[in-house]
């Protein structure tokens, strides 16, 4: 998986490839190294091919951390496969999806 983090008005974390057991740890480690000064963190999943339950847990952990700091967290650009995973697991009701 490739992780590209940019800062500006919002912090954008663009993901490509697969977010699974191995790569979810990579995502959490990369996120932990970042200083979040922005009010909104966006996970851009436009290039993400697959997400597993471990990937969902990583996103939930990131959201919980950010909400605890008064920040907002959104997931953008889900493809059809990831949209189906979010619907089946109920994550469309847990995370803000745009």
PDB file of N, CA and C in Angstrom:
ATOM      1  N   UNK A   1       0.838  -1.173   0.000  1.00  0.00           N
ATOM      2  CA  UNK A   1       0.000   0.000   0.000  1.00  0.00           C
ATOM      3  C   UNK A   1       0.883   1.237   0.000  1.00  0.00           C
ATOM      4  N   UNK A   2       0.405   2.253  -0.672  1.00  0.00           N
ATOM      5  CA  UNK A   2       1.089   3.534  -0.696  1.00  0.00           C
ATOM      6  C   UNK A   2       0.285   4.530   0.127  1.00  0.00           C
ATOM      7  N   UNK A   3       0.993   5.313   0.947  1.00  0.00           N
ATOM      8  CA  UNK A   3       0.365   6.315   1.804  1.00  0.00           C
ATOM      9  C   UNK A   3       0.982   7.661   1.462  1.00  0.00           C
ATOM     10  N   UNK A   4       0.144   8.631   1.081  1.00  0.00           N
ATOM     11  CA  UNK A   4       0.616   9.966   0.754  1.00  0.00           C
ATOM     12  C   UNK A   4      -0.128  10.955   1.647  1.00  0.00           C
ATOM     13  N   UNK A   5       0.607  11.640   2.522  1.00  0.00           N
ATOM     14  CA  UNK A   5       0.000  12.572   3.470  1.00  0.00           C
ATOM     15  C   UNK A   5       0.363  13.996   3.084  1.00  0.00           C
ATOM     16  N   UNK A   6      -0.669  14.838   2.964  1.00  0.00           N
ATOM     17  CA  UNK A   6      -0.441  16.252   2.661  1.00  0.00           C
ATOM     18  C   UNK A   6      -1.146  17.106   3.707  1.00  0.00           C
ATOM     19  N   UNK A   7      -0.564  18.274   3.961  1.00  0.00           N
ATOM     20  CA  UNK A   7      -1.124  19.226   4.912  1.00  0.00           C
ATOM     21  C   UNK A   7      -1.497  20.498   4.172  1.00  0.00           C
ATOM     22  N   UNK A   8      -2.524  21.150   4.643  1.00  0.00           N
ATOM     23  CA  UNK A   8      -3.009  22.394   4.062  1.00  0.00           C
ATOM     24  C   UNK A   8      -4.193  22.840   4.882  1.00  0.00           C
ATOM     25  N   UNK A   9      -5.291  23.237   4.205  1.00  0.00           N
ATOM     26  CA  UNK A   9      -6.516  23.563   4.935  1.00  0.00           C
ATOM     27  C   UNK A   9      -7.005  22.344   5.693  1.00  0.00           C
ATOM     28  N   UNK A  10      -6.840  21.171   5.071  1.00  0.00           N
ATOM     29  CA  UNK A  10      -7.168  19.882   5.680  1.00  0.00           C
ATOM     30  C   UNK A  10      -5.955  18.976   5.566  1.00  0.00           C
ATOM     31  N   UNK A  11      -5.860  18.017   6.455  1.00  0.00           N
ATOM     32  CA  UNK A  11      -4.855  16.963   6.311  1.00  0.00           C
ATOM     33  C   UNK A  11      -5.492  15.874   5.454  1.00  0.00           C
ATOM     34  N   UNK A  12      -4.827  15.506   4.363  1.00  0.00           N
ATOM     35  CA  UNK A  12      -5.356  14.482   3.468  1.00  0.00           C
ATOM     36  C   UNK A  12      -4.396  13.300   3.457  1.00  0.00           C
ATOM     37  N   UNK A  13      -4.946  12.129   3.740  1.00  0.00           N
ATOM     38  CA  UNK A  13      -4.174  10.890   3.696  1.00  0.00           C
ATOM     39  C   UNK A  13      -4.720  10.076   2.527  1.00  0.00           C
ATOM     40  N   UNK A  14      -3.972  10.072   1.426  1.00  0.00           N
ATOM     41  CA  UNK A  14      -4.395   9.339   0.230  1.00  0.00           C
ATOM     42  C   UNK A  14      -3.805   7.932   0.279  1.00  0.00           C
ATOM     43  N   UNK A  15      -4.667   6.948   0.104  1.00  0.00           N
ATOM     44  CA  UNK A  15      -4.260   5.547   0.163  1.00  0.00           C
ATOM     45  C   UNK A  15      -4.425   4.901  -1.198  1.00  0.00           C
ATOM     46  N   UNK A  16      -3.482   4.039  -1.551  1.00  0.00           N
ATOM     47  CA  UNK A  16      -3.641   3.246  -2.769  1.00  0.00           C
ATOM     48  C   UNK A  16      -3.177   1.825  -2.485  1.00  0.00           C
ATOM     49  N   UNK A  17      -3.794   0.875  -3.174  1.00  0.00           N
ATOM     50  CA  UNK A  17      -3.458  -0.532  -2.965  1.00  0.00           C
ATOM     51  C   UNK A  17      -4.461  -1.204  -2.058  1.00  0.00           C
ATOM     52  N   UNK A  18      -3.945  -1.945  -1.074  1.00  0.00           N
ATOM     53  CA  UNK A  18      -4.795  -2.727  -0.169  1.00  0.00           C
ATOM     54  C   UNK A  18      -4.553  -2.301   1.277  1.00  0.00           C
ATOM     55  N   UNK A  19      -5.647  -2.083   1.994  1.00  0.00           N
ATOM     56  CA  UNK A  19      -5.564  -1.780   3.426  1.00  0.00           C
ATOM     57  C   UNK A  19      -6.002  -3.032   4.173  1.00  0.00           C
ATOM     58  N   UNK A  20      -5.004  -3.799   4.635  1.00  0.00           N
ATOM     59  CA  UNK A  20      -5.273  -5.089   5.269  1.00  0.00           C
ATOM     60  C   UNK A  20      -4.505  -5.193   6.584  1.00  0.00           C
ATOM     61  N   UNK A  21      -4.335  -6.406   7.085  1.00  0.00           N
ATOM     62  CA  UNK A  21      -3.691  -6.615   8.383  1.00  0.00           C
ATOM     63  C   UNK A  21      -2.292  -6.007   8.437  1.00  0.00           C
ATOM     64  N   UNK A  22      -1.491  -6.234   7.424  1.00  0.00           N
ATOM     65  CA  UNK A  22      -0.110  -5.721   7.401  1.00  0.00           C
ATOM     66  C   UNK A  22      -0.094  -4.214   7.189  1.00  0.00           C
ATOM     67  N   UNK A  23      -0.824  -3.752   6.195  1.00  0.00           N
ATOM     68  CA  UNK A  23      -0.731  -2.335   5.828  1.00  0.00           C
ATOM     69  C   UNK A  23      -1.489  -1.420   6.787  1.00  0.00           C
ATOM     70  N   UNK A  24      -2.447  -1.956   7.544  1.00  0.00           N
ATOM     71  CA  UNK A  24      -3.138  -1.107   8.517  1.00  0.00           C
ATOM     72  C   UNK A  24      -2.164  -0.650   9.607  1.00  0.00           C
ATOM     73  N   UNK A  25      -1.223  -1.502   9.957  1.00  0.00           N
ATOM     74  CA  UNK A  25      -0.181  -1.117  10.921  1.00  0.00           C
ATOM     75  C   UNK A  25       0.697  -0.022  10.335  1.00  0.00           C
ATOM     76  N   UNK A  26       1.034  -0.139   9.055  1.00  0.00           N
ATOM     77  CA  UNK A  26       1.814   0.902   8.377  1.00  0.00           C
ATOM     78  C   UNK A  26       1.070   2.236   8.408  1.00  0.00           C
ATOM     79  N   UNK A  27      -0.241   2.197   8.158  1.00  0.00           N
ATOM     80  CA  UNK A  27      -1.046   3.415   8.179  1.00  0.00           C
ATOM     81  C   UNK A  27      -1.045   4.042   9.566  1.00  0.00           C
ATOM     82  N   UNK A  28      -1.280   3.245  10.584  1.00  0.00           N
ATOM     83  CA  UNK A  28      -1.305   3.776  11.948  1.00  0.00           C
ATOM     84  C   UNK A  28       0.056   4.343  12.356  1.00  0.00           C
ATOM     85  N   UNK A  29       1.129   3.695  11.953  1.00  0.00           N
ATOM     86  CA  UNK A  29       2.476   4.198  12.260  1.00  0.00           C
ATOM     87  C   UNK A  29       2.749   5.519  11.537  1.00  0.00           C
ATOM     88  N   UNK A  30       2.352   5.605  10.270  1.00  0.00           N
ATOM     89  CA  UNK A  30       2.553   6.846   9.504  1.00  0.00           C
ATOM     90  C   UNK A  30       1.727   7.972  10.116  1.00  0.00           C
ATOM     91  N   UNK A  31       0.504   7.672  10.501  1.00  0.00           N
ATOM     92  CA  UNK A  31      -0.375   8.672  11.109  1.00  0.00           C
ATOM     93  C   UNK A  31       0.185   9.149  12.446  1.00  0.00           C
ATOM     94  N   UNK A  32       0.724   8.246  13.229  1.00  0.00           N
ATOM     95  CA  UNK A  32       1.271   8.592  14.548  1.00  0.00           C
ATOM     96  C   UNK A  32       2.451   9.554  14.449  1.00  0.00           C
ATOM     97  N   UNK A  33       3.160   9.537  13.337  1.00  0.00           N
ATOM     98  CA  UNK A  33       4.322  10.406  13.147  1.00  0.00           C
ATOM     99  C   UNK A  33       3.937  11.826  12.732  1.00  0.00           C
ATOM    100  N   UNK A  34       2.675  12.012  12.344  1.00  0.00           N
ATOM    101  CA  UNK A  34       2.222  13.307  11.844  1.00  0.00           C
ATOM    102  C   UNK A  34       1.696  14.193  12.968  1.00  0.00           C
ATOM    103  N   UNK A  35       1.968  15.483  12.859  1.00  0.00           N
ATOM    104  CA  UNK A  35       1.363  16.462  13.754  1.00  0.00           C
ATOM    105  C   UNK A  35       0.117  16.989  13.056  1.00  0.00           C
ATOM    106  N   UNK A  36      -1.024  16.814  13.690  1.00  0.00           N
ATOM    107  CA  UNK A  36      -2.289  17.219  13.075  1.00  0.00           C
ATOM    108  C   UNK A  36      -2.674  18.600  13.603  1.00  0.00           C
ATOM    109  N   UNK A  37      -2.452  19.614  12.771  1.00  0.00           N
ATOM    110  CA  UNK A  37      -2.823  20.981  13.126  1.00  0.00           C
ATOM    111  C   UNK A  37      -4.153  21.378  12.489  1.00  0.00           C
ATOM    112  N   UNK A  38      -4.580  20.625  11.498  1.00  0.00           N
ATOM    113  CA  UNK A  38      -5.809  20.925  10.791  1.00  0.00           C
ATOM    114  C   UNK A  38      -7.021  20.440  11.597  1.00  0.00           C
ATOM    115  N   UNK A  39      -8.183  21.050  11.327  1.00  0.00           N
ATOM    116  CA  UNK A  39      -9.409  20.642  12.012  1.00  0.00           C
ATOM    117  C   UNK A  39     -10.042  19.404  11.388  1.00  0.00           C
ATOM    118  N   UNK A  40      -9.692  19.122  10.124  1.00  0.00           N
ATOM    119  CA  UNK A  40     -10.290  17.996   9.405  1.00  0.00           C
ATOM    120  C   UNK A  40      -9.204  17.109   8.808  1.00  0.00           C
ATOM    121  N   UNK A  41      -9.345  15.813   9.051  1.00  0.00           N
ATOM    122  CA  UNK A  41      -8.474  14.816   8.431  1.00  0.00           C
ATOM    123  C   UNK A  41      -9.343  14.010   7.458  1.00  0.00           C
ATOM    124  N   UNK A  42      -8.897  13.955   6.205  1.00  0.00           N
ATOM    125  CA  UNK A  42      -9.619  13.235   5.160  1.00  0.00           C
ATOM    126  C   UNK A  42      -8.804  12.027   4.738  1.00  0.00           C
ATOM    127  N   UNK A  43      -9.445  10.874   4.712  1.00  0.00           N
ATOM    128  CA  UNK A  43      -8.842   9.669   4.144  1.00  0.00           C
ATOM    129  C   UNK A  43      -9.367   9.571   2.717  1.00  0.00           C
ATOM    130  N   UNK A  44      -8.499   9.743   1.744  1.00  0.00           N
ATOM    131  CA  UNK A  44      -8.887   9.663   0.336  1.00  0.00           C
ATOM    132  C   UNK A  44      -8.643   8.239  -0.142  1.00  0.00           C
ATOM    133  N   UNK A  45      -9.733   7.521  -0.429  1.00  0.00           N
ATOM    134  CA  UNK A  45      -9.641   6.111  -0.797  1.00  0.00           C
ATOM    135  C   UNK A  45      -9.857   5.889  -2.292  1.00  0.00           C
ATOM    136  N   UNK A  46      -9.665   6.940  -3.069  1.00  0.00           N
ATOM    137  CA  UNK A  46      -9.898   6.856  -4.515  1.00  0.00           C
ATOM    138  C   UNK A  46      -9.112   5.734  -5.175  1.00  0.00           C
ATOM    139  N   UNK A  47      -7.878   5.508  -4.731  1.00  0.00           N
ATOM    140  CA  UNK A  47      -7.004   4.498  -5.333  1.00  0.00           C
ATOM    141  C   UNK A  47      -6.893   3.225  -4.501  1.00  0.00           C
ATOM    142  N   UNK A  48      -7.728   3.109  -3.460  1.00  0.00           N
ATOM    143  CA  UNK A  48      -7.689   1.912  -2.605  1.00  0.00           C
ATOM    144  C   UNK A  48      -8.494   0.802  -3.259  1.00  0.00           C
ATOM    145  N   UNK A  49      -7.881  -0.343  -3.433  1.00  0.00           N
ATOM    146  CA  UNK A  49      -8.523  -1.478  -4.121  1.00  0.00           C
ATOM    147  C   UNK A  49      -9.303  -2.380  -3.167  1.00  0.00           C
ATOM    148  N   UNK A  50      -8.890  -2.425  -1.899  1.00  0.00           N
ATOM    149  CA  UNK A  50      -9.453  -3.402  -0.960  1.00  0.00           C
ATOM    150  C   UNK A  50      -9.256  -2.902   0.458  1.00  0.00           C
ATOM    151  N   UNK A  51     -10.233  -3.205   1.321  1.00  0.00           N
ATOM    152  CA  UNK A  51     -10.088  -2.911   2.747  1.00  0.00           C
ATOM    153  C   UNK A  51     -10.590  -4.113   3.541  1.00  0.00           C
ATOM    154  N   UNK A  52      -9.802  -4.535   4.525  1.00  0.00           N
ATOM    155  CA  UNK A  52     -10.178  -5.670   5.380  1.00  0.00           C
ATOM    156  C   UNK A  52     -10.709  -5.147   6.712  1.00  0.00           C
ATOM    157  N   UNK A  53     -11.110  -6.056   7.579  1.00  0.00           N
ATOM    158  CA  UNK A  53     -11.586  -5.660   8.906  1.00  0.00           C
ATOM    159  C   UNK A  53     -10.470  -4.966   9.705  1.00  0.00           C
ATOM    160  N   UNK A  54      -9.236  -5.365   9.487  1.00  0.00           N
ATOM    161  CA  UNK A  54      -8.108  -4.701  10.158  1.00  0.00           C
ATOM    162  C   UNK A  54      -7.988  -3.255   9.675  1.00  0.00           C
ATOM    163  N   UNK A  55      -8.232  -3.030   8.410  1.00  0.00           N
ATOM    164  CA  UNK A  55      -8.223  -1.665   7.863  1.00  0.00           C
ATOM    165  C   UNK A  55      -9.329  -0.826   8.456  1.00  0.00           C
ATOM    166  N   UNK A  56     -10.506  -1.424   8.605  1.00  0.00           N
ATOM    167  CA  UNK A  56     -11.629  -0.709   9.230  1.00  0.00           C
ATOM    168  C   UNK A  56     -11.302  -0.345  10.671  1.00  0.00           C
ATOM    169  N   UNK A  57     -10.694  -1.278  11.395  1.00  0.00           N
ATOM    170  CA  UNK A  57     -10.301  -1.002  12.789  1.00  0.00           C
ATOM    171  C   UNK A  57      -9.303   0.144  12.854  1.00  0.00           C
ATOM    172  N   UNK A  58      -8.364   0.193  11.905  1.00  0.00           N
ATOM    173  CA  UNK A  58      -7.373   1.276  11.886  1.00  0.00           C
ATOM    174  C   UNK A  58      -8.063   2.621  11.671  1.00  0.00           C
ATOM    175  N   UNK A  59      -9.018   2.670  10.750  1.00  0.00           N
ATOM    176  CA  UNK A  59      -9.747   3.911  10.510  1.00  0.00           C
ATOM    177  C   UNK A  59     -10.530   4.328  11.746  1.00  0.00           C
ATOM    178  N   UNK A  60     -11.155   3.373  12.407  1.00  0.00           N
ATOM    179  CA  UNK A  60     -11.911   3.675  13.616  1.00  0.00           C
ATOM    180  C   UNK A  60     -10.994   4.193  14.724  1.00  0.00           C
ATOM    181  N   UNK A  61      -9.823   3.600  14.866  1.00  0.00           N
ATOM    182  CA  UNK A  61      -8.854   4.058  15.878  1.00  0.00           C
ATOM    183  C   UNK A  61      -8.406   5.487  15.582  1.00  0.00           C
ATOM    184  N   UNK A  62      -8.185   5.792  14.312  1.00  0.00           N
ATOM    185  CA  UNK A  62      -7.789   7.146  13.929  1.00  0.00           C
ATOM    186  C   UNK A  62      -8.901   8.138  14.252  1.00  0.00           C
ATOM    187  N   UNK A  63     -10.137   7.762  13.929  1.00  0.00           N
ATOM    188  CA  UNK A  63     -11.277   8.645  14.211  1.00  0.00           C
ATOM    189  C   UNK A  63     -11.380   8.913  15.709  1.00  0.00           C
ATOM    190  N   UNK A  64     -11.300   7.866  16.520  1.00  0.00           N
ATOM    191  CA  UNK A  64     -11.430   8.027  17.970  1.00  0.00           C
ATOM    192  C   UNK A  64     -10.356   8.966  18.517  1.00  0.00           C
ATOM    193  N   UNK A  65      -9.143   8.803  18.042  1.00  0.00           N
ATOM    194  CA  UNK A  65      -8.053   9.676  18.492  1.00  0.00           C
ATOM    195  C   UNK A  65      -8.326  11.128  18.115  1.00  0.00           C
ATOM    196  N   UNK A  66      -8.753  11.347  16.882  1.00  0.00           N
ATOM    197  CA  UNK A  66      -8.990  12.712  16.404  1.00  0.00           C
ATOM    198  C   UNK A  66     -10.179  13.366  17.096  1.00  0.00           C
ATOM    199  N   UNK A  67     -11.266  12.628  17.259  1.00  0.00           N
ATOM    200  CA  UNK A  67     -12.448  13.177  17.926  1.00  0.00           C
ATOM    201  C   UNK A  67     -12.102  13.556  19.363  1.00  0.00           C
ATOM    202  N   UNK A  68     -11.255  12.755  20.007  1.00  0.00           N
ATOM    203  CA  UNK A  68     -10.805  13.066  21.355  1.00  0.00           C
ATOM    204  C   UNK A  68     -10.018  14.363  21.441  1.00  0.00           C
ATOM    205  N   UNK A  69      -9.473  14.797  20.310  1.00  0.00           N
ATOM    206  CA  UNK A  69      -8.710  16.047  20.239  1.00  0.00           C
ATOM    207  C   UNK A  69      -9.540  17.177  19.630  1.00  0.00           C
ATOM    208  N   UNK A  70     -10.836  16.921  19.432  1.00  0.00           N
ATOM    209  CA  UNK A  70     -11.706  17.944  18.877  1.00  0.00           C
ATOM    210  C   UNK A  70     -11.574  18.126  17.372  1.00  0.00           C
ATOM    211  N   UNK A  71     -11.058  17.122  16.694  1.00  0.00           N
ATOM    212  CA  UNK A  71     -10.864  17.171  15.237  1.00  0.00           C
ATOM    213  C   UNK A  71     -11.959  16.375  14.535  1.00  0.00           C
ATOM    214  N   UNK A  72     -12.097  16.601  13.239  1.00  0.00           N
ATOM    215  CA  UNK A  72     -13.071  15.876  12.425  1.00  0.00           C
ATOM    216  C   UNK A  72     -12.351  14.891  11.522  1.00  0.00           C
ATOM    217  N   UNK A  73     -13.070  13.830  11.130  1.00  0.00           N
ATOM    218  CA  UNK A  73     -12.499  12.745  10.344  1.00  0.00           C
ATOM    219  C   UNK A  73     -13.515  12.329   9.290  1.00  0.00           C
ATOM    220  N   UNK A  74     -13.090  12.305   8.030  1.00  0.00           N
ATOM    221  CA  UNK A  74     -13.973  11.904   6.936  1.00  0.00           C
ATOM    222  C   UNK A  74     -13.253  10.942   6.000  1.00  0.00           C
ATOM    223  N   UNK A  75     -14.044  10.070   5.376  1.00  0.00           N
ATOM    224  CA  UNK A  75     -13.542   9.146   4.365  1.00  0.00           C
ATOM    225  C   UNK A  75     -14.146   9.583   3.034  1.00  0.00           C
ATOM    226  N   UNK A  76     -13.300   9.784   2.024  1.00  0.00           N
ATOM    227  CA  UNK A  76     -13.762  10.253   0.713  1.00  0.00           C
ATOM    228  C   UNK A  76     -13.426   9.248  -0.383  1.00  0.00           C
ATOM    229  N   UNK A  77     -14.212   9.291  -1.448  1.00  0.00           N
ATOM    230  CA  UNK A  77     -13.938   8.595  -2.712  1.00  0.00           C
ATOM    231  C   UNK A  77     -13.864   7.075  -2.596  1.00  0.00           C
ATOM    232  N   UNK A  78     -14.841   6.480  -1.928  1.00  0.00           N
ATOM    233  CA  UNK A  78     -14.883   5.017  -1.856  1.00  0.00           C
ATOM    234  C   UNK A  78     -15.243   4.433  -3.219  1.00  0.00           C
ATOM    235  N   UNK A  79     -14.534   3.388  -3.630  1.00  0.00           N
ATOM    236  CA  UNK A  79     -14.919   2.679  -4.860  1.00  0.00           C
ATOM    237  C   UNK A  79     -16.057   1.716  -4.519  1.00  0.00           C
ATOM    238  N   UNK A  80     -16.559   0.996  -5.508  1.00  0.00           N
ATOM    239  CA  UNK A  80     -17.719   0.126  -5.282  1.00  0.00           C
ATOM    240  C   UNK A  80     -17.419  -1.013  -4.312  1.00  0.00           C
ATOM    241  N   UNK A  81     -16.218  -1.568  -4.374  1.00  0.00           N
ATOM    242  CA  UNK A  81     -15.855  -2.677  -3.471  1.00  0.00           C
ATOM    243  C   UNK A  81     -15.798  -2.185  -2.023  1.00  0.00           C
ATOM    244  N   UNK A  82     -15.109  -1.087  -1.798  1.00  0.00           N
ATOM    245  CA  UNK A  82     -14.993  -0.550  -0.443  1.00  0.00           C
ATOM    246  C   UNK A  82     -16.340  -0.049   0.065  1.00  0.00           C
ATOM    247  N   UNK A  83     -17.164   0.518  -0.824  1.00  0.00           N
ATOM    248  CA  UNK A  83     -18.502   0.960  -0.432  1.00  0.00           C
ATOM    249  C   UNK A  83     -19.311  -0.214   0.084  1.00  0.00           C
ATOM    250  N   UNK A  84     -19.229  -1.342  -0.597  1.00  0.00           N
ATOM    251  CA  UNK A  84     -19.964  -2.534  -0.175  1.00  0.00           C
ATOM    252  C   UNK A  84     -19.491  -2.999   1.200  1.00  0.00           C
ATOM    253  N   UNK A  85     -18.184  -3.002   1.439  1.00  0.00           N
ATOM    254  CA  UNK A  85     -17.640  -3.393   2.745  1.00  0.00           C
ATOM    255  C   UNK A  85     -18.162  -2.451   3.828  1.00  0.00           C
ATOM    256  N   UNK A  86     -18.166  -1.157   3.548  1.00  0.00           N
ATOM    257  CA  UNK A  86     -18.655  -0.174   4.522  1.00  0.00           C
ATOM    258  C   UNK A  86     -20.137  -0.389   4.812  1.00  0.00           C
ATOM    259  N   UNK A  87     -20.919  -0.713   3.790  1.00  0.00           N
ATOM    260  CA  UNK A  87     -22.355  -0.942   3.988  1.00  0.00           C
ATOM    261  C   UNK A  87     -22.611  -2.208   4.799  1.00  0.00           C
ATOM    262  N   UNK A  88     -21.952  -3.304   4.424  1.00  0.00           N
ATOM    263  CA  UNK A  88     -22.167  -4.594   5.097  1.00  0.00           C
ATOM    264  C   UNK A  88     -21.765  -4.526   6.568  1.00  0.00           C
ATOM    265  N   UNK A  89     -20.692  -3.808   6.862  1.00  0.00           N
ATOM    266  CA  UNK A  89     -20.189  -3.738   8.233  1.00  0.00           C
ATOM    267  C   UNK A  89     -20.857  -2.631   9.058  1.00  0.00           C
ATOM    268  N   UNK A  90     -21.617  -1.771   8.403  1.00  0.00           N
ATOM    269  CA  UNK A  90     -22.251  -0.661   9.105  1.00  0.00           C
ATOM    270  C   UNK A  90     -21.359   0.549   9.279  1.00  0.00           C
ATOM    271  N   UNK A  91     -20.188   0.532   8.682  1.00  0.00           N
ATOM    272  CA  UNK A  91     -19.263   1.656   8.826  1.00  0.00           C
ATOM    273  C   UNK A  91     -19.758   2.922   8.142  1.00  0.00           C
ATOM    274  N   UNK A  92     -20.728   2.799   7.239  1.00  0.00           N
ATOM    275  CA  UNK A  92     -21.320   4.003   6.647  1.00  0.00           C
ATOM    276  C   UNK A  92     -22.052   4.818   7.717  1.00  0.00           C
ATOM    277  N   UNK A  93     -22.427   4.161   8.809  1.00  0.00           N
ATOM    278  CA  UNK A  93     -23.107   4.846   9.911  1.00  0.00           C
ATOM    279  C   UNK A  93     -22.147   5.243  11.033  1.00  0.00           C
ATOM    280  N   UNK A  94     -20.932   4.737  10.994  1.00  0.00           N
ATOM    281  CA  UNK A  94     -19.947   5.006  12.047  1.00  0.00           C
ATOM    282  C   UNK A  94     -18.993   6.135  11.631  1.00  0.00           C
ATOM    283  N   UNK A  95     -18.559   6.106  10.370  1.00  0.00           N
ATOM    284  CA  UNK A  95     -17.642   7.110   9.847  1.00  0.00           C
ATOM    285  C   UNK A  95     -18.392   8.043   8.901  1.00  0.00           C
ATOM    286  N   UNK A  96     -17.916   9.270   8.785  1.00  0.00           N
ATOM    287  CA  UNK A  96     -18.484  10.210   7.820  1.00  0.00           C
ATOM    288  C   UNK A  96     -17.907   9.880   6.471  1.00  0.00           C
ATOM    289  N   UNK A  97     -18.777   9.448   5.548  1.00  0.00           N
ATOM    290  CA  UNK A  97     -18.342   9.019   4.207  1.00  0.00           C
ATOM    291  C   UNK A  97     -18.871  10.027   3.187  1.00  0.00           C
ATOM    292  N   UNK A  98     -17.967  10.540   2.356  1.00  0.00           N
ATOM    293  CA  UNK A  98     -18.364  11.495   1.317  1.00  0.00           C
ATOM    294  C   UNK A  98     -17.824  11.072  -0.016  1.00  0.00           C
TER     295      UNK A  98
END
